[in-house]
Amino acid sequence: MDVPRQLLRCVRGCRERGIEIAVSDPSLDVERDLEKQGARIVIGIDEVGRGALAGPVAVGVCVVQTSSCGPIPQGLRDSKMLSEPARERLSPLAAAWARDSAVGLASPLEVDELGIIACLGLAAKRGLGMLFERGVDVAGAVILLDGSHNWLAPALSTPLHVVTRVKADRDCASVAAASVVAKVHRDRMMIERHAGSPDYGWASNKGYGSAGHMAAIAALGPTDFHRRSWLKTPVGVGG
């Protein structure tokens, strides 16, 4: 799940002042327990871009089978606890470590029409569909979902076994991997979109409501890549 980058700055600031903040490495303990209970595979899921004003919401899905996966990539953590260079370095490692992975998206227009919670489920469903098309036994998996709310179930035509866990993105390697893969995928999309609409600063703010981004919306209006229903400014024709 997304939080402002100020969190990472806070952690760094505390360390500079000699205040240590415990950052735990994720493990496969939860995934192993789920397999002992009968799961054939575990699919970790996490979302990014939930609170952005522009761009899609993205949901990463990451398949693990603890008996066959190798060591967890060194440094893997919840994406919001990593710098951008660290995420870029870890994303291909996480994807290679997992049995399979994918990123599902829901567009800004879909967010406007359906609402963000429905779009989380829609994006996750699309990501799971990609896995299914590549031969992953999604029906036989346990879905490990970060948080306390099962927003996936309403989007599914066929029920799946979903387990929610608070702080799964921190504690569970499959979910941490999903968060990193999804974050890098979405960030790259926003950087590519920046070239066509540079005034909005998407290469740096990734669609979130930074001061510069808000000023550009006020001056130029929103684009078709904005979630217009989220904006408090008038929705005129943007650049």
C-alpha atoms as a PDB file:
ATOM      1  CA  MET A   1       0.000   0.000   0.000  1.00  0.00           C
ATOM      2  CA  ASP A   2       1.163   3.528  -0.749  1.00  0.00           C
ATOM      3  CA  VAL A   3       2.237   6.159   1.753  1.00  0.00           C
ATOM      4  CA  PRO A   4       3.932   9.512   1.067  1.00  0.00           C
ATOM      5  CA  ARG A   5       7.660   9.451   0.497  1.00  0.00           C
ATOM      6  CA  GLN A   6       7.990  11.531   3.679  1.00  0.00           C
ATOM      7  CA  LEU A   7       7.993   8.202   5.532  1.00  0.00           C
ATOM      8  CA  LEU A   8      11.290   7.230   3.941  1.00  0.00           C
ATOM      9  CA  ARG A   9      12.673  10.670   4.711  1.00  0.00           C
ATOM     10  CA  CYS A  10      11.567  10.293   8.323  1.00  0.00           C
ATOM     11  CA  VAL A  11      13.398   6.994   8.621  1.00  0.00           C
ATOM     12  CA  ARG A  12      16.534   8.538   7.148  1.00  0.00           C
ATOM     13  CA  GLY A  13      16.242  11.583   9.405  1.00  0.00           C
ATOM     14  CA  CYS A  14      15.932   9.437  12.508  1.00  0.00           C
ATOM     15  CA  ARG A  15      19.005   7.478  11.531  1.00  0.00           C
ATOM     16  CA  GLU A  16      20.961  10.703  10.975  1.00  0.00           C
ATOM     17  CA  ARG A  17      20.038  11.747  14.537  1.00  0.00           C
ATOM     18  CA  GLY A  18      21.133   8.403  15.896  1.00  0.00           C
ATOM     19  CA  ILE A  19      17.627   7.082  16.406  1.00  0.00           C
ATOM     20  CA  GLU A  20      17.392   3.533  15.138  1.00  0.00           C
ATOM     21  CA  ILE A  21      14.148   2.340  13.602  1.00  0.00           C
ATOM     22  CA  ALA A  22      13.724  -1.393  13.333  1.00  0.00           C
ATOM     23  CA  VAL A  23      13.111  -2.501   9.753  1.00  0.00           C
ATOM     24  CA  SER A  24      12.400  -6.193   9.566  1.00  0.00           C
ATOM     25  CA  ASP A  25      13.170  -8.321   6.563  1.00  0.00           C
ATOM     26  CA  PRO A  26      10.186 -10.223   5.164  1.00  0.00           C
ATOM     27  CA  SER A  27      10.160 -13.991   5.414  1.00  0.00           C
ATOM     28  CA  LEU A  28       8.255 -16.952   3.999  1.00  0.00           C
ATOM     29  CA  ASP A  29       6.933 -18.071   7.378  1.00  0.00           C
ATOM     30  CA  VAL A  30       3.315 -17.203   6.598  1.00  0.00           C
ATOM     31  CA  GLU A  31       3.516 -18.723   3.140  1.00  0.00           C
ATOM     32  CA  ARG A  32       4.945 -21.968   4.577  1.00  0.00           C
ATOM     33  CA  ASP A  33       2.137 -22.132   7.124  1.00  0.00           C
ATOM     34  CA  LEU A  34      -0.446 -21.690   4.369  1.00  0.00           C
ATOM     35  CA  GLU A  35       1.136 -24.488   2.358  1.00  0.00           C
ATOM     36  CA  LYS A  36       1.086 -26.746   5.418  1.00  0.00           C
ATOM     37  CA  GLN A  37      -2.637 -26.031   5.613  1.00  0.00           C
ATOM     38  CA  GLY A  38      -3.113 -27.231   2.042  1.00  0.00           C
ATOM     39  CA  ALA A  39      -2.225 -24.403  -0.298  1.00  0.00           C
ATOM     40  CA  ARG A  40      -0.571 -25.639  -3.488  1.00  0.00           C
ATOM     41  CA  ILE A  41       0.929 -22.214  -4.077  1.00  0.00           C
ATOM     42  CA  VAL A  42       0.629 -18.790  -2.481  1.00  0.00           C
ATOM     43  CA  ILE A  43      -0.009 -15.645  -4.490  1.00  0.00           C
ATOM     44  CA  GLY A  44       1.006 -12.470  -2.681  1.00  0.00           C
ATOM     45  CA  ILE A  45      -0.885  -9.328  -3.697  1.00  0.00           C
ATOM     46  CA  ASP A  46      -0.300  -5.641  -3.030  1.00  0.00           C
ATOM     47  CA  GLU A  47      -1.488  -2.419  -4.644  1.00  0.00           C
ATOM     48  CA  VAL A  48       0.220   0.853  -5.530  1.00  0.00           C
ATOM     49  CA  GLY A  49      -1.147   4.141  -6.793  1.00  0.00           C
ATOM     50  CA  ARG A  50      -4.275   3.991  -4.675  1.00  0.00           C
ATOM     51  CA  GLY A  51      -4.036   7.610  -3.549  1.00  0.00           C
ATOM     52  CA  ALA A  52      -2.657   9.176  -6.723  1.00  0.00           C
ATOM     53  CA  LEU A  53      -4.500  11.929  -8.594  1.00  0.00           C
ATOM     54  CA  ALA A  54      -3.241  10.771 -11.979  1.00  0.00           C
ATOM     55  CA  GLY A  55      -2.438   7.439 -13.558  1.00  0.00           C
ATOM     56  CA  PRO A  56      -3.750   3.943 -13.011  1.00  0.00           C
ATOM     57  CA  VAL A  57      -4.006   1.962  -9.854  1.00  0.00           C
ATOM     58  CA  ALA A  58      -1.697  -1.051 -10.110  1.00  0.00           C
ATOM     59  CA  VAL A  59      -1.871  -4.394  -8.329  1.00  0.00           C
ATOM     60  CA  GLY A  60       1.101  -6.726  -8.211  1.00  0.00           C
ATOM     61  CA  VAL A  61       0.594 -10.480  -7.970  1.00  0.00           C
ATOM     62  CA  CYS A  62       3.532 -12.722  -7.091  1.00  0.00           C
ATOM     63  CA  VAL A  63       3.476 -16.536  -7.026  1.00  0.00           C
ATOM     64  CA  VAL A  64       5.620 -18.512  -4.610  1.00  0.00           C
ATOM     65  CA  GLN A  65       5.987 -22.168  -3.748  1.00  0.00           C
ATOM     66  CA  THR A  66       8.264 -22.301  -0.758  1.00  0.00           C
ATOM     67  CA  SER A  67       9.590 -25.770  -1.509  1.00  0.00           C
ATOM     68  CA  SER A  68      11.027 -24.655  -4.831  1.00  0.00           C
ATOM     69  CA  CYS A  69      11.887 -20.957  -4.533  1.00  0.00           C
ATOM     70  CA  GLY A  70      15.410 -19.863  -3.776  1.00  0.00           C
ATOM     71  CA  PRO A  71      16.651 -17.450  -1.118  1.00  0.00           C
ATOM     72  CA  ILE A  72      14.705 -14.228  -0.796  1.00  0.00           C
ATOM     73  CA  PRO A  73      16.512 -11.467  -2.730  1.00  0.00           C
ATOM     74  CA  GLN A  74      18.742  -9.557  -0.368  1.00  0.00           C
ATOM     75  CA  GLY A  75      17.253  -6.217   0.602  1.00  0.00           C
ATOM     76  CA  LEU A  76      13.713  -7.054  -0.492  1.00  0.00           C
ATOM     77  CA  ARG A  77      11.179  -5.067   1.529  1.00  0.00           C
ATOM     78  CA  ASP A  78       7.853  -3.348   1.171  1.00  0.00           C
ATOM     79  CA  SER A  79       8.302  -0.923  -1.738  1.00  0.00           C
ATOM     80  CA  LYS A  80       7.519   2.166   0.354  1.00  0.00           C
ATOM     81  CA  MET A  81      10.515   1.416   2.571  1.00  0.00           C
ATOM     82  CA  LEU A  82      12.895   1.413  -0.403  1.00  0.00           C
ATOM     83  CA  SER A  83      14.427   4.227  -2.412  1.00  0.00           C
ATOM     84  CA  GLU A  84      13.649   4.426  -6.115  1.00  0.00           C
ATOM     85  CA  PRO A  85      17.095   3.086  -7.151  1.00  0.00           C
ATOM     86  CA  ALA A  86      16.705   0.177  -4.717  1.00  0.00           C
ATOM     87  CA  ARG A  87      13.288  -0.656  -6.138  1.00  0.00           C
ATOM     88  CA  GLU A  88      14.640  -0.566  -9.679  1.00  0.00           C
ATOM     89  CA  ARG A  89      17.434  -2.932  -8.672  1.00  0.00           C
ATOM     90  CA  LEU A  90      15.172  -5.308  -6.787  1.00  0.00           C
ATOM     91  CA  SER A  91      12.231  -5.513  -9.194  1.00  0.00           C
ATOM     92  CA  PRO A  92      13.869  -7.864 -11.723  1.00  0.00           C
ATOM     93  CA  LEU A  93      15.362  -9.902  -8.885  1.00  0.00           C
ATOM     94  CA  ALA A  94      11.949 -10.273  -7.254  1.00  0.00           C
ATOM     95  CA  ALA A  95      10.333 -11.233 -10.550  1.00  0.00           C
ATOM     96  CA  ALA A  96      13.029 -13.839 -11.220  1.00  0.00           C
ATOM     97  CA  TRP A  97      12.798 -15.202  -7.674  1.00  0.00           C
ATOM     98  CA  ALA A  98       9.053 -15.720  -7.848  1.00  0.00           C
ATOM     99  CA  ARG A  99       7.552 -18.621  -9.715  1.00  0.00           C
ATOM    100  CA  ASP A 100       5.617 -16.039 -11.730  1.00  0.00           C
ATOM    101  CA  SER A 101       4.419 -12.473 -11.353  1.00  0.00           C
ATOM    102  CA  ALA A 102       2.234  -9.922 -13.095  1.00  0.00           C
ATOM    103  CA  VAL A 103       0.832  -6.440 -12.691  1.00  0.00           C
ATOM    104  CA  GLY A 104      -2.825  -5.653 -13.323  1.00  0.00           C
ATOM    105  CA  LEU A 105      -4.042  -2.113 -13.942  1.00  0.00           C
ATOM    106  CA  ALA A 106      -7.240  -0.115 -13.745  1.00  0.00           C
ATOM    107  CA  SER A 107      -7.307   3.161 -15.650  1.00  0.00           C
ATOM    108  CA  PRO A 108      -8.066   6.646 -14.332  1.00  0.00           C
ATOM    109  CA  LEU A 109     -11.375   6.584 -16.241  1.00  0.00           C
ATOM    110  CA  GLU A 110     -12.300   3.305 -14.568  1.00  0.00           C
ATOM    111  CA  VAL A 111     -11.448   4.785 -11.174  1.00  0.00           C
ATOM    112  CA  ASP A 112     -13.783   7.693 -11.951  1.00  0.00           C
ATOM    113  CA  GLU A 113     -16.585   5.426 -13.121  1.00  0.00           C
ATOM    114  CA  LEU A 114     -16.306   2.517 -10.676  1.00  0.00           C
ATOM    115  CA  GLY A 115     -14.546   3.905  -7.605  1.00  0.00           C
ATOM    116  CA  ILE A 116     -11.132   3.049  -6.227  1.00  0.00           C
ATOM    117  CA  ILE A 117     -12.104  -0.032  -4.199  1.00  0.00           C
ATOM    118  CA  ALA A 118     -13.805  -1.692  -7.163  1.00  0.00           C
ATOM    119  CA  CYS A 119     -10.771  -0.851  -9.291  1.00  0.00           C
ATOM    120  CA  LEU A 120      -8.398  -2.494  -6.831  1.00  0.00           C
ATOM    121  CA  GLY A 121     -10.364  -5.697  -7.347  1.00  0.00           C
ATOM    122  CA  LEU A 122     -10.509  -5.173 -11.108  1.00  0.00           C
ATOM    123  CA  ALA A 123      -6.753  -4.647 -11.379  1.00  0.00           C
ATOM    124  CA  ALA A 124      -6.045  -7.679  -9.193  1.00  0.00           C
ATOM    125  CA  LYS A 125      -8.430  -9.794 -11.268  1.00  0.00           C
ATOM    126  CA  ARG A 126      -6.566  -8.762 -14.415  1.00  0.00           C
ATOM    127  CA  GLY A 127      -3.230  -9.648 -12.848  1.00  0.00           C
ATOM    128  CA  LEU A 128      -4.529 -13.046 -11.747  1.00  0.00           C
ATOM    129  CA  GLY A 129      -5.922 -13.549 -15.248  1.00  0.00           C
ATOM    130  CA  MET A 130      -2.441 -13.056 -16.684  1.00  0.00           C
ATOM    131  CA  LEU A 131      -1.118 -15.740 -14.361  1.00  0.00           C
ATOM    132  CA  PHE A 132      -3.961 -18.092 -15.310  1.00  0.00           C
ATOM    133  CA  GLU A 133      -3.252 -17.601 -19.011  1.00  0.00           C
ATOM    134  CA  ARG A 134       0.361 -18.624 -18.360  1.00  0.00           C
ATOM    135  CA  GLY A 135      -0.738 -21.835 -16.665  1.00  0.00           C
ATOM    136  CA  VAL A 136      -0.661 -20.873 -12.987  1.00  0.00           C
ATOM    137  CA  ASP A 137      -3.154 -22.840 -10.885  1.00  0.00           C
ATOM    138  CA  VAL A 138      -4.895 -19.758  -9.514  1.00  0.00           C
ATOM    139  CA  ALA A 139      -7.902 -21.769  -8.322  1.00  0.00           C
ATOM    140  CA  GLY A 140      -5.658 -23.983  -6.181  1.00  0.00           C
ATOM    141  CA  ALA A 141      -3.769 -21.055  -4.657  1.00  0.00           C
ATOM    142  CA  VAL A 142      -4.187 -19.151  -1.446  1.00  0.00           C
ATOM    143  CA  ILE A 143      -4.260 -15.426  -2.146  1.00  0.00           C
ATOM    144  CA  LEU A 144      -2.330 -13.500   0.504  1.00  0.00           C
ATOM    145  CA  LEU A 145      -3.661  -9.954   0.507  1.00  0.00           C
ATOM    146  CA  ASP A 146      -2.094  -7.049   2.359  1.00  0.00           C
ATOM    147  CA  GLY A 147      -4.405  -5.256   4.772  1.00  0.00           C
ATOM    148  CA  SER A 148      -7.557  -6.162   6.669  1.00  0.00           C
ATOM    149  CA  HIS A 149     -10.151  -5.663   3.923  1.00  0.00           C
ATOM    150  CA  ASN A 150     -10.814  -8.283   1.254  1.00  0.00           C
ATOM    151  CA  TRP A 151     -11.434  -5.937  -1.652  1.00  0.00           C
ATOM    152  CA  LEU A 152     -10.673  -8.720  -4.128  1.00  0.00           C
ATOM    153  CA  ALA A 153     -13.672 -10.984  -3.494  1.00  0.00           C
ATOM    154  CA  PRO A 154     -16.369  -8.707  -4.984  1.00  0.00           C
ATOM    155  CA  ALA A 155     -14.461  -8.565  -8.285  1.00  0.00           C
ATOM    156  CA  LEU A 156     -14.310 -12.336  -8.725  1.00  0.00           C
ATOM    157  CA  SER A 157     -16.893 -14.367 -10.634  1.00  0.00           C
ATOM    158  CA  THR A 158     -15.379 -17.553  -9.165  1.00  0.00           C
ATOM    159  CA  PRO A 159     -14.490 -17.379  -5.454  1.00  0.00           C
ATOM    160  CA  LEU A 160     -10.864 -17.879  -4.471  1.00  0.00           C
ATOM    161  CA  HIS A 161      -9.299 -18.599  -1.098  1.00  0.00           C
ATOM    162  CA  VAL A 162      -8.236 -15.160   0.112  1.00  0.00           C
ATOM    163  CA  VAL A 163      -6.365 -14.540   3.358  1.00  0.00           C
ATOM    164  CA  THR A 164      -5.923 -10.950   4.526  1.00  0.00           C
ATOM    165  CA  ARG A 165      -3.036  -9.953   6.763  1.00  0.00           C
ATOM    166  CA  VAL A 166      -2.184  -6.545   8.166  1.00  0.00           C
ATOM    167  CA  LYS A 167       1.422  -5.593   7.348  1.00  0.00           C
ATOM    168  CA  ALA A 168       1.789  -8.477   4.923  1.00  0.00           C
ATOM    169  CA  ASP A 169       3.792  -6.140   2.687  1.00  0.00           C
ATOM    170  CA  ARG A 170       6.282  -5.813   5.556  1.00  0.00           C
ATOM    171  CA  ASP A 171       6.304  -9.390   6.845  1.00  0.00           C
ATOM    172  CA  CYS A 172       5.593 -11.675   3.859  1.00  0.00           C
ATOM    173  CA  ALA A 173       8.123 -12.010   1.062  1.00  0.00           C
ATOM    174  CA  SER A 174       5.539 -12.815  -1.610  1.00  0.00           C
ATOM    175  CA  VAL A 175       3.627  -9.612  -0.853  1.00  0.00           C
ATOM    176  CA  ALA A 176       6.771  -7.488  -0.567  1.00  0.00           C
ATOM    177  CA  ALA A 177       7.845  -8.789  -3.976  1.00  0.00           C
ATOM    178  CA  ALA A 178       4.421  -7.957  -5.404  1.00  0.00           C
ATOM    179  CA  SER A 179       4.634  -4.428  -4.020  1.00  0.00           C
ATOM    180  CA  VAL A 180       8.065  -3.803  -5.566  1.00  0.00           C
ATOM    181  CA  VAL A 181       7.150  -5.245  -8.971  1.00  0.00           C
ATOM    182  CA  ALA A 182       3.925  -3.205  -9.089  1.00  0.00           C
ATOM    183  CA  LYS A 183       5.560   0.007  -7.889  1.00  0.00           C
ATOM    184  CA  VAL A 184       8.326  -0.112 -10.487  1.00  0.00           C
ATOM    185  CA  HIS A 185       5.872  -1.001 -13.251  1.00  0.00           C
ATOM    186  CA  ARG A 186       3.601   1.928 -12.411  1.00  0.00           C
ATOM    187  CA  ASP A 187       6.450   4.393 -11.847  1.00  0.00           C
ATOM    188  CA  ARG A 188       7.833   3.624 -15.288  1.00  0.00           C
ATOM    189  CA  MET A 189       4.424   4.260 -16.819  1.00  0.00           C
ATOM    190  CA  MET A 190       4.253   7.655 -15.132  1.00  0.00           C
ATOM    191  CA  ILE A 191       7.763   8.548 -16.291  1.00  0.00           C
ATOM    192  CA  GLU A 192       6.828   7.644 -19.877  1.00  0.00           C
ATOM    193  CA  ARG A 193       3.659   9.758 -19.630  1.00  0.00           C
ATOM    194  CA  HIS A 194       5.691  12.696 -18.330  1.00  0.00           C
ATOM    195  CA  ALA A 195       7.177  13.247 -21.785  1.00  0.00           C
ATOM    196  CA  GLY A 196       3.749  14.064 -23.210  1.00  0.00           C
ATOM    197  CA  SER A 197       2.642  16.268 -20.298  1.00  0.00           C
ATOM    198  CA  PRO A 198       5.836  17.562 -18.642  1.00  0.00           C
ATOM    199  CA  ASP A 199       4.161  20.459 -16.821  1.00  0.00           C
ATOM    200  CA  TYR A 200       2.550  18.058 -14.342  1.00  0.00           C
ATOM    201  CA  GLY A 201       5.853  16.638 -13.103  1.00  0.00           C
ATOM    202  CA  TRP A 202       4.837  12.987 -13.282  1.00  0.00           C
ATOM    203  CA  ALA A 203       8.420  11.803 -13.614  1.00  0.00           C
ATOM    204  CA  SER A 204       9.012  12.896 -10.027  1.00  0.00           C
ATOM    205  CA  ASN A 205       5.600  12.928  -8.321  1.00  0.00           C
ATOM    206  CA  LYS A 206       4.297   9.755 -10.049  1.00  0.00           C
ATOM    207  CA  GLY A 207       0.813  11.244 -10.167  1.00  0.00           C
ATOM    208  CA  TYR A 208       0.514  12.085  -6.484  1.00  0.00           C
ATOM    209  CA  GLY A 209      -0.631  15.484  -5.241  1.00  0.00           C
ATOM    210  CA  SER A 210       2.643  17.351  -4.883  1.00  0.00           C
ATOM    211  CA  ALA A 211       2.568  21.151  -4.746  1.00  0.00           C
ATOM    212  CA  GLY A 212       3.890  21.420  -8.293  1.00  0.00           C
ATOM    213  CA  HIS A 213       1.367  18.912  -9.587  1.00  0.00           C
ATOM    214  CA  MET A 214      -1.530  20.714  -7.916  1.00  0.00           C
ATOM    215  CA  ALA A 215      -0.345  24.063  -9.267  1.00  0.00           C
ATOM    216  CA  ALA A 216      -0.206  22.644 -12.791  1.00  0.00           C
ATOM    217  CA  ILE A 217      -3.737  21.267 -12.498  1.00  0.00           C
ATOM    218  CA  ALA A 218      -4.968  24.658 -11.280  1.00  0.00           C
ATOM    219  CA  ALA A 219      -3.231  26.488 -14.134  1.00  0.00           C
ATOM    220  CA  LEU A 220      -3.777  24.052 -17.009  1.00  0.00           C
ATOM    221  CA  GLY A 221      -6.668  21.872 -15.934  1.00  0.00           C
ATOM    222  CA  PRO A 222      -6.637  18.076 -15.776  1.00  0.00           C
ATOM    223  CA  THR A 223      -5.685  15.699 -18.559  1.00  0.00           C
ATOM    224  CA  ASP A 224      -7.361  12.472 -19.582  1.00  0.00           C
ATOM    225  CA  PHE A 225      -4.790  10.709 -17.403  1.00  0.00           C
ATOM    226  CA  HIS A 226      -6.144  12.365 -14.256  1.00  0.00           C
ATOM    227  CA  ARG A 227      -8.803  10.939 -11.977  1.00  0.00           C
ATOM    228  CA  ARG A 228     -11.135  13.843 -12.544  1.00  0.00           C
ATOM    229  CA  SER A 229     -13.624  12.828  -9.880  1.00  0.00           C
ATOM    230  CA  TRP A 230     -10.854  13.203  -7.302  1.00  0.00           C
ATOM    231  CA  LEU A 231     -10.011  16.794  -8.158  1.00  0.00           C
ATOM    232  CA  LYS A 232     -11.413  19.735  -6.239  1.00  0.00           C
ATOM    233  CA  THR A 233     -10.483  22.150  -9.018  1.00  0.00           C
ATOM    234  CA  PRO A 234     -12.865  22.677 -11.962  1.00  0.00           C
ATOM    235  CA  VAL A 235     -12.473  19.979 -14.599  1.00  0.00           C
ATOM    236  CA  GLY A 236     -11.919  22.060 -17.697  1.00  0.00           C
ATOM    237  CA  VAL A 237     -10.067  20.878 -20.758  1.00  0.00           C
ATOM    238  CA  GLY A 238      -6.486  20.158 -19.774  1.00  0.00           C
ATOM    239  CA  GLY A 239      -3.264  19.808 -21.713  1.00  0.00           C
END
